[in-house]
Amino acid sequence: MALQQIEHADDHMQECIDNCFEAAQVCEWCADACADEEGMARCIRLCRDVADVASLHARWMARNSGYHRELAALCADVCEECLEECERHDHDHCQACAEVLPDCVESCREMASA
């Protein structure tokens, strides 16, 4: 994998990059699927926020931005709020988010405190 060649990315950072990209992907899917469901505006907004901030955080880590730790904290907060929202819904796409987001929250919190 190309990302494993990034010299500054230790195992924790690499795991966080992977978790962020996975969260972004599942949240994009969830937001799109929620568009067909009534009353899912909040879920759509939060999933779109996660997709944006998680992919940005992964990119900042990959380029070793001096600000990625601050963004890690924000990413964890947004993922946590989205997780709470998705857990409230029985849709498969929401449950997929609820399954993926805890890992992103945990690894981003770890990056924020490193």
N, C-alpha and C. Protein backbone atom coordinates (compact mmCIF):
# COMPACT_ATOMS: atom_id res chain seq x y z
N MET A 1 0.84 -1.18 0.00
CA MET A 1 0.00 0.00 0.00
C MET A 1 0.89 1.25 0.00
N ALA A 2 0.56 2.20 -0.82
CA ALA A 2 1.36 3.41 -0.98
C ALA A 2 1.44 4.21 0.32
N LEU A 3 0.36 4.26 1.08
CA LEU A 3 0.37 5.05 2.31
C LEU A 3 1.34 4.51 3.35
N GLN A 4 1.67 3.25 3.29
CA GLN A 4 2.61 2.69 4.24
C GLN A 4 4.03 3.19 3.99
N GLN A 5 4.24 3.86 2.88
CA GLN A 5 5.56 4.39 2.55
C GLN A 5 5.78 5.78 3.13
N ILE A 6 4.78 6.36 3.75
CA ILE A 6 4.91 7.68 4.34
C ILE A 6 5.78 7.55 5.59
N GLU A 7 6.95 8.16 5.56
CA GLU A 7 7.93 7.97 6.62
C GLU A 7 7.45 8.47 7.98
N HIS A 8 6.72 9.55 8.02
CA HIS A 8 6.31 10.12 9.30
C HIS A 8 5.08 9.44 9.90
N ALA A 9 4.42 8.57 9.16
CA ALA A 9 3.19 7.93 9.64
C ALA A 9 3.52 6.66 10.40
N ASP A 10 3.44 6.74 11.73
CA ASP A 10 3.62 5.53 12.54
C ASP A 10 2.34 4.69 12.46
N ASP A 11 2.31 3.59 13.17
CA ASP A 11 1.15 2.69 13.11
C ASP A 11 -0.14 3.38 13.56
N HIS A 12 -0.06 4.23 14.58
CA HIS A 12 -1.25 4.91 15.08
C HIS A 12 -1.79 5.91 14.05
N MET A 13 -0.89 6.65 13.43
CA MET A 13 -1.32 7.61 12.42
C MET A 13 -1.88 6.88 11.20
N GLN A 14 -1.23 5.80 10.79
CA GLN A 14 -1.72 5.05 9.63
C GLN A 14 -3.11 4.49 9.90
N GLU A 15 -3.32 3.98 11.11
CA GLU A 15 -4.64 3.47 11.49
C GLU A 15 -5.68 4.59 11.45
N CYS A 16 -5.31 5.77 11.92
CA CYS A 16 -6.23 6.90 11.91
C CYS A 16 -6.56 7.33 10.48
N ILE A 17 -5.56 7.36 9.62
CA ILE A 17 -5.79 7.68 8.21
C ILE A 17 -6.80 6.69 7.61
N ASP A 18 -6.56 5.41 7.85
CA ASP A 18 -7.46 4.38 7.32
C ASP A 18 -8.87 4.54 7.88
N ASN A 19 -8.97 4.79 9.19
CA ASN A 19 -10.28 4.96 9.83
C ASN A 19 -11.02 6.18 9.29
N CYS A 20 -10.28 7.25 9.06
CA CYS A 20 -10.90 8.48 8.52
C CYS A 20 -11.43 8.25 7.11
N PHE A 21 -10.64 7.60 6.27
CA PHE A 21 -11.12 7.34 4.91
C PHE A 21 -12.32 6.40 4.91
N GLU A 22 -12.30 5.41 5.78
CA GLU A 22 -13.45 4.49 5.87
C GLU A 22 -14.70 5.24 6.36
N ALA A 23 -14.53 6.09 7.36
CA ALA A 23 -15.66 6.88 7.86
C ALA A 23 -16.21 7.78 6.78
N ALA A 24 -15.33 8.42 6.03
CA ALA A 24 -15.77 9.31 4.95
C ALA A 24 -16.58 8.54 3.91
N GLN A 25 -16.12 7.37 3.55
CA GLN A 25 -16.82 6.57 2.55
C GLN A 25 -18.19 6.11 3.02
N VAL A 26 -18.26 5.57 4.23
CA VAL A 26 -19.54 5.06 4.71
C VAL A 26 -20.52 6.20 4.95
N CYS A 27 -20.01 7.36 5.37
CA CYS A 27 -20.90 8.50 5.59
C CYS A 27 -21.41 9.10 4.28
N GLU A 28 -20.60 9.07 3.24
CA GLU A 28 -21.09 9.50 1.93
C GLU A 28 -22.23 8.60 1.47
N TRP A 29 -22.05 7.30 1.64
CA TRP A 29 -23.08 6.33 1.27
C TRP A 29 -24.34 6.57 2.10
N CYS A 30 -24.17 6.73 3.39
CA CYS A 30 -25.32 6.93 4.29
C CYS A 30 -26.07 8.21 3.93
N ALA A 31 -25.36 9.29 3.71
CA ALA A 31 -26.02 10.56 3.36
C ALA A 31 -26.82 10.41 2.08
N ASP A 32 -26.25 9.73 1.10
CA ASP A 32 -26.95 9.52 -0.16
C ASP A 32 -28.20 8.65 0.03
N ALA A 33 -28.06 7.59 0.80
CA ALA A 33 -29.20 6.69 1.04
C ALA A 33 -30.28 7.38 1.87
N CYS A 34 -29.88 8.22 2.81
CA CYS A 34 -30.84 8.93 3.65
C CYS A 34 -31.67 9.93 2.84
N ALA A 35 -31.14 10.36 1.72
CA ALA A 35 -31.87 11.33 0.89
C ALA A 35 -33.20 10.76 0.42
N ASP A 36 -33.31 9.44 0.38
CA ASP A 36 -34.56 8.78 -0.03
C ASP A 36 -35.50 8.52 1.14
N GLU A 37 -35.08 8.87 2.34
CA GLU A 37 -35.87 8.62 3.55
C GLU A 37 -36.42 9.92 4.11
N GLU A 38 -37.63 9.88 4.58
CA GLU A 38 -38.25 11.06 5.18
C GLU A 38 -37.70 11.31 6.58
N GLY A 39 -37.49 12.56 6.93
CA GLY A 39 -37.07 12.93 8.27
C GLY A 39 -35.62 12.66 8.59
N MET A 40 -34.77 12.59 7.59
CA MET A 40 -33.37 12.23 7.81
C MET A 40 -32.41 13.39 7.57
N ALA A 41 -32.91 14.62 7.58
CA ALA A 41 -32.08 15.79 7.27
C ALA A 41 -30.88 15.91 8.21
N ARG A 42 -31.09 15.71 9.50
CA ARG A 42 -29.98 15.85 10.47
C ARG A 42 -28.91 14.79 10.21
N CYS A 43 -29.34 13.58 9.92
CA CYS A 43 -28.40 12.49 9.64
C CYS A 43 -27.59 12.82 8.39
N ILE A 44 -28.26 13.32 7.36
CA ILE A 44 -27.58 13.68 6.12
C ILE A 44 -26.53 14.75 6.39
N ARG A 45 -26.91 15.78 7.11
CA ARG A 45 -25.97 16.88 7.40
C ARG A 45 -24.75 16.38 8.17
N LEU A 46 -24.98 15.59 9.20
CA LEU A 46 -23.87 15.09 10.01
C LEU A 46 -22.98 14.16 9.21
N CYS A 47 -23.58 13.29 8.41
CA CYS A 47 -22.77 12.39 7.58
C CYS A 47 -21.93 13.17 6.58
N ARG A 48 -22.49 14.20 6.00
CA ARG A 48 -21.72 15.03 5.07
C ARG A 48 -20.60 15.75 5.81
N ASP A 49 -20.86 16.21 7.02
CA ASP A 49 -19.80 16.84 7.82
C ASP A 49 -18.67 15.86 8.10
N VAL A 50 -19.03 14.63 8.49
CA VAL A 50 -18.01 13.62 8.74
C VAL A 50 -17.20 13.35 7.48
N ALA A 51 -17.88 13.15 6.37
CA ALA A 51 -17.18 12.85 5.12
C ALA A 51 -16.16 13.95 4.80
N ASP A 52 -16.55 15.19 4.98
CA ASP A 52 -15.65 16.30 4.68
C ASP A 52 -14.49 16.39 5.67
N VAL A 53 -14.80 16.39 6.96
CA VAL A 53 -13.73 16.61 7.94
C VAL A 53 -12.82 15.38 8.04
N ALA A 54 -13.36 14.18 7.93
CA ALA A 54 -12.54 12.97 8.03
C ALA A 54 -11.59 12.85 6.84
N SER A 55 -12.07 13.15 5.64
CA SER A 55 -11.17 13.07 4.48
C SER A 55 -10.10 14.17 4.56
N LEU A 56 -10.49 15.36 5.03
CA LEU A 56 -9.51 16.43 5.21
C LEU A 56 -8.47 16.04 6.26
N HIS A 57 -8.93 15.47 7.36
CA HIS A 57 -8.00 15.06 8.41
C HIS A 57 -7.02 14.02 7.89
N ALA A 58 -7.50 13.04 7.14
CA ALA A 58 -6.61 12.02 6.58
C ALA A 58 -5.56 12.65 5.66
N ARG A 59 -5.99 13.60 4.85
CA ARG A 59 -5.05 14.27 3.95
C ARG A 59 -4.02 15.09 4.72
N TRP A 60 -4.46 15.76 5.78
CA TRP A 60 -3.53 16.54 6.59
C TRP A 60 -2.51 15.65 7.29
N MET A 61 -2.96 14.49 7.76
CA MET A 61 -2.01 13.57 8.38
C MET A 61 -1.01 13.07 7.35
N ALA A 62 -1.49 12.74 6.15
CA ALA A 62 -0.61 12.21 5.10
C ALA A 62 0.49 13.19 4.73
N ARG A 63 0.18 14.48 4.78
CA ARG A 63 1.21 15.47 4.43
C ARG A 63 1.89 16.04 5.67
N ASN A 64 1.60 15.48 6.83
CA ASN A 64 2.23 15.86 8.09
C ASN A 64 2.00 17.33 8.43
N SER A 65 0.77 17.79 8.22
CA SER A 65 0.41 19.16 8.55
C SER A 65 0.62 19.42 10.04
N GLY A 66 1.11 20.59 10.34
CA GLY A 66 1.30 20.98 11.73
C GLY A 66 -0.01 21.21 12.47
N TYR A 67 -1.12 21.17 11.76
CA TYR A 67 -2.43 21.42 12.37
C TYR A 67 -3.29 20.17 12.47
N HIS A 68 -2.77 19.01 12.11
CA HIS A 68 -3.63 17.83 12.08
C HIS A 68 -4.13 17.42 13.46
N ARG A 69 -3.41 17.73 14.51
CA ARG A 69 -3.88 17.37 15.86
C ARG A 69 -5.13 18.17 16.24
N GLU A 70 -5.14 19.44 15.89
CA GLU A 70 -6.33 20.25 16.16
C GLU A 70 -7.52 19.75 15.37
N LEU A 71 -7.28 19.38 14.12
CA LEU A 71 -8.35 18.85 13.28
C LEU A 71 -8.81 17.48 13.79
N ALA A 72 -7.90 16.72 14.37
CA ALA A 72 -8.25 15.41 14.92
C ALA A 72 -9.33 15.53 15.99
N ALA A 73 -9.20 16.53 16.84
CA ALA A 73 -10.19 16.74 17.90
C ALA A 73 -11.55 17.08 17.31
N LEU A 74 -11.57 17.95 16.32
CA LEU A 74 -12.83 18.30 15.66
C LEU A 74 -13.43 17.08 14.96
N CYS A 75 -12.60 16.33 14.28
CA CYS A 75 -13.07 15.14 13.58
C CYS A 75 -13.71 14.16 14.56
N ALA A 76 -13.07 13.94 15.69
CA ALA A 76 -13.63 13.04 16.70
C ALA A 76 -14.98 13.54 17.19
N ASP A 77 -15.10 14.84 17.43
CA ASP A 77 -16.37 15.41 17.91
C ASP A 77 -17.49 15.23 16.89
N VAL A 78 -17.19 15.52 15.63
CA VAL A 78 -18.20 15.40 14.57
C VAL A 78 -18.59 13.94 14.39
N CYS A 79 -17.61 13.05 14.40
CA CYS A 79 -17.90 11.61 14.26
C CYS A 79 -18.76 11.10 15.41
N GLU A 80 -18.47 11.58 16.60
CA GLU A 80 -19.24 11.16 17.78
C GLU A 80 -20.70 11.60 17.67
N GLU A 81 -20.91 12.83 17.24
CA GLU A 81 -22.28 13.32 17.10
C GLU A 81 -23.02 12.56 15.99
N CYS A 82 -22.34 12.29 14.91
CA CYS A 82 -22.94 11.52 13.82
C CYS A 82 -23.25 10.10 14.28
N LEU A 83 -22.36 9.51 15.03
CA LEU A 83 -22.57 8.17 15.58
C LEU A 83 -23.85 8.12 16.40
N GLU A 84 -24.02 9.10 17.28
CA GLU A 84 -25.21 9.14 18.12
C GLU A 84 -26.48 9.25 17.27
N GLU A 85 -26.42 10.04 16.21
CA GLU A 85 -27.58 10.19 15.32
C GLU A 85 -27.85 8.89 14.56
N CYS A 86 -26.82 8.30 13.99
CA CYS A 86 -27.01 7.09 13.19
C CYS A 86 -27.50 5.91 14.04
N GLU A 87 -27.09 5.86 15.29
CA GLU A 87 -27.54 4.78 16.18
C GLU A 87 -29.05 4.83 16.41
N ARG A 88 -29.66 5.98 16.19
CA ARG A 88 -31.09 6.14 16.41
C ARG A 88 -31.94 5.53 15.28
N HIS A 89 -31.30 5.18 14.16
CA HIS A 89 -32.04 4.74 12.98
C HIS A 89 -31.73 3.28 12.65
N ASP A 90 -32.74 2.58 12.16
CA ASP A 90 -32.60 1.16 11.85
C ASP A 90 -32.12 0.87 10.43
N HIS A 91 -31.98 1.90 9.61
CA HIS A 91 -31.55 1.68 8.22
C HIS A 91 -30.18 1.03 8.19
N ASP A 92 -29.97 0.16 7.21
CA ASP A 92 -28.68 -0.52 7.08
C ASP A 92 -27.53 0.46 6.95
N HIS A 93 -27.74 1.53 6.18
CA HIS A 93 -26.66 2.50 5.98
C HIS A 93 -26.33 3.23 7.26
N CYS A 94 -27.33 3.52 8.08
CA CYS A 94 -27.08 4.18 9.37
C CYS A 94 -26.36 3.23 10.33
N GLN A 95 -26.76 1.97 10.31
CA GLN A 95 -26.10 0.99 11.17
C GLN A 95 -24.66 0.75 10.73
N ALA A 96 -24.40 0.84 9.42
CA ALA A 96 -23.01 0.72 8.94
C ALA A 96 -22.17 1.87 9.48
N CYS A 97 -22.73 3.07 9.50
CA CYS A 97 -22.02 4.22 10.09
C CYS A 97 -21.76 3.97 11.57
N ALA A 98 -22.77 3.52 12.27
CA ALA A 98 -22.64 3.28 13.70
C ALA A 98 -21.59 2.22 14.00
N GLU A 99 -21.33 1.35 13.04
CA GLU A 99 -20.32 0.31 13.22
C GLU A 99 -18.91 0.85 12.96
N VAL A 100 -18.78 1.76 12.01
CA VAL A 100 -17.46 2.26 11.59
C VAL A 100 -16.99 3.45 12.43
N LEU A 101 -17.89 4.33 12.79
CA LEU A 101 -17.50 5.59 13.43
C LEU A 101 -16.78 5.46 14.78
N PRO A 102 -17.09 4.48 15.62
CA PRO A 102 -16.35 4.42 16.90
C PRO A 102 -14.84 4.29 16.73
N ASP A 103 -14.39 3.56 15.72
CA ASP A 103 -12.95 3.42 15.48
C ASP A 103 -12.34 4.76 15.07
N CYS A 104 -13.09 5.52 14.28
CA CYS A 104 -12.59 6.83 13.86
C CYS A 104 -12.52 7.78 15.04
N VAL A 105 -13.55 7.76 15.88
CA VAL A 105 -13.56 8.60 17.08
C VAL A 105 -12.34 8.28 17.94
N GLU A 106 -12.12 7.01 18.19
CA GLU A 106 -11.02 6.58 19.07
C GLU A 106 -9.65 6.96 18.51
N SER A 107 -9.44 6.68 17.22
CA SER A 107 -8.11 6.97 16.67
C SER A 107 -7.89 8.47 16.53
N CYS A 108 -8.94 9.24 16.26
CA CYS A 108 -8.78 10.70 16.18
C CYS A 108 -8.50 11.29 17.56
N ARG A 109 -9.17 10.77 18.59
CA ARG A 109 -8.89 11.25 19.95
C ARG A 109 -7.43 10.95 20.31
N GLU A 110 -6.96 9.79 19.90
CA GLU A 110 -5.57 9.42 20.16
C GLU A 110 -4.61 10.37 19.44
N MET A 111 -4.93 10.71 18.19
CA MET A 111 -4.10 11.65 17.43
C MET A 111 -4.13 13.04 18.08
N ALA A 112 -5.27 13.46 18.56
CA ALA A 112 -5.41 14.79 19.15
C ALA A 112 -4.57 14.91 20.42
N SER A 113 -4.43 13.81 21.13
CA SER A 113 -3.71 13.88 22.41
C SER A 113 -2.25 13.48 22.28
N ALA A 114 -1.81 13.11 21.09
CA ALA A 114 -0.41 12.68 20.89
C ALA A 114 0.55 13.85 20.96
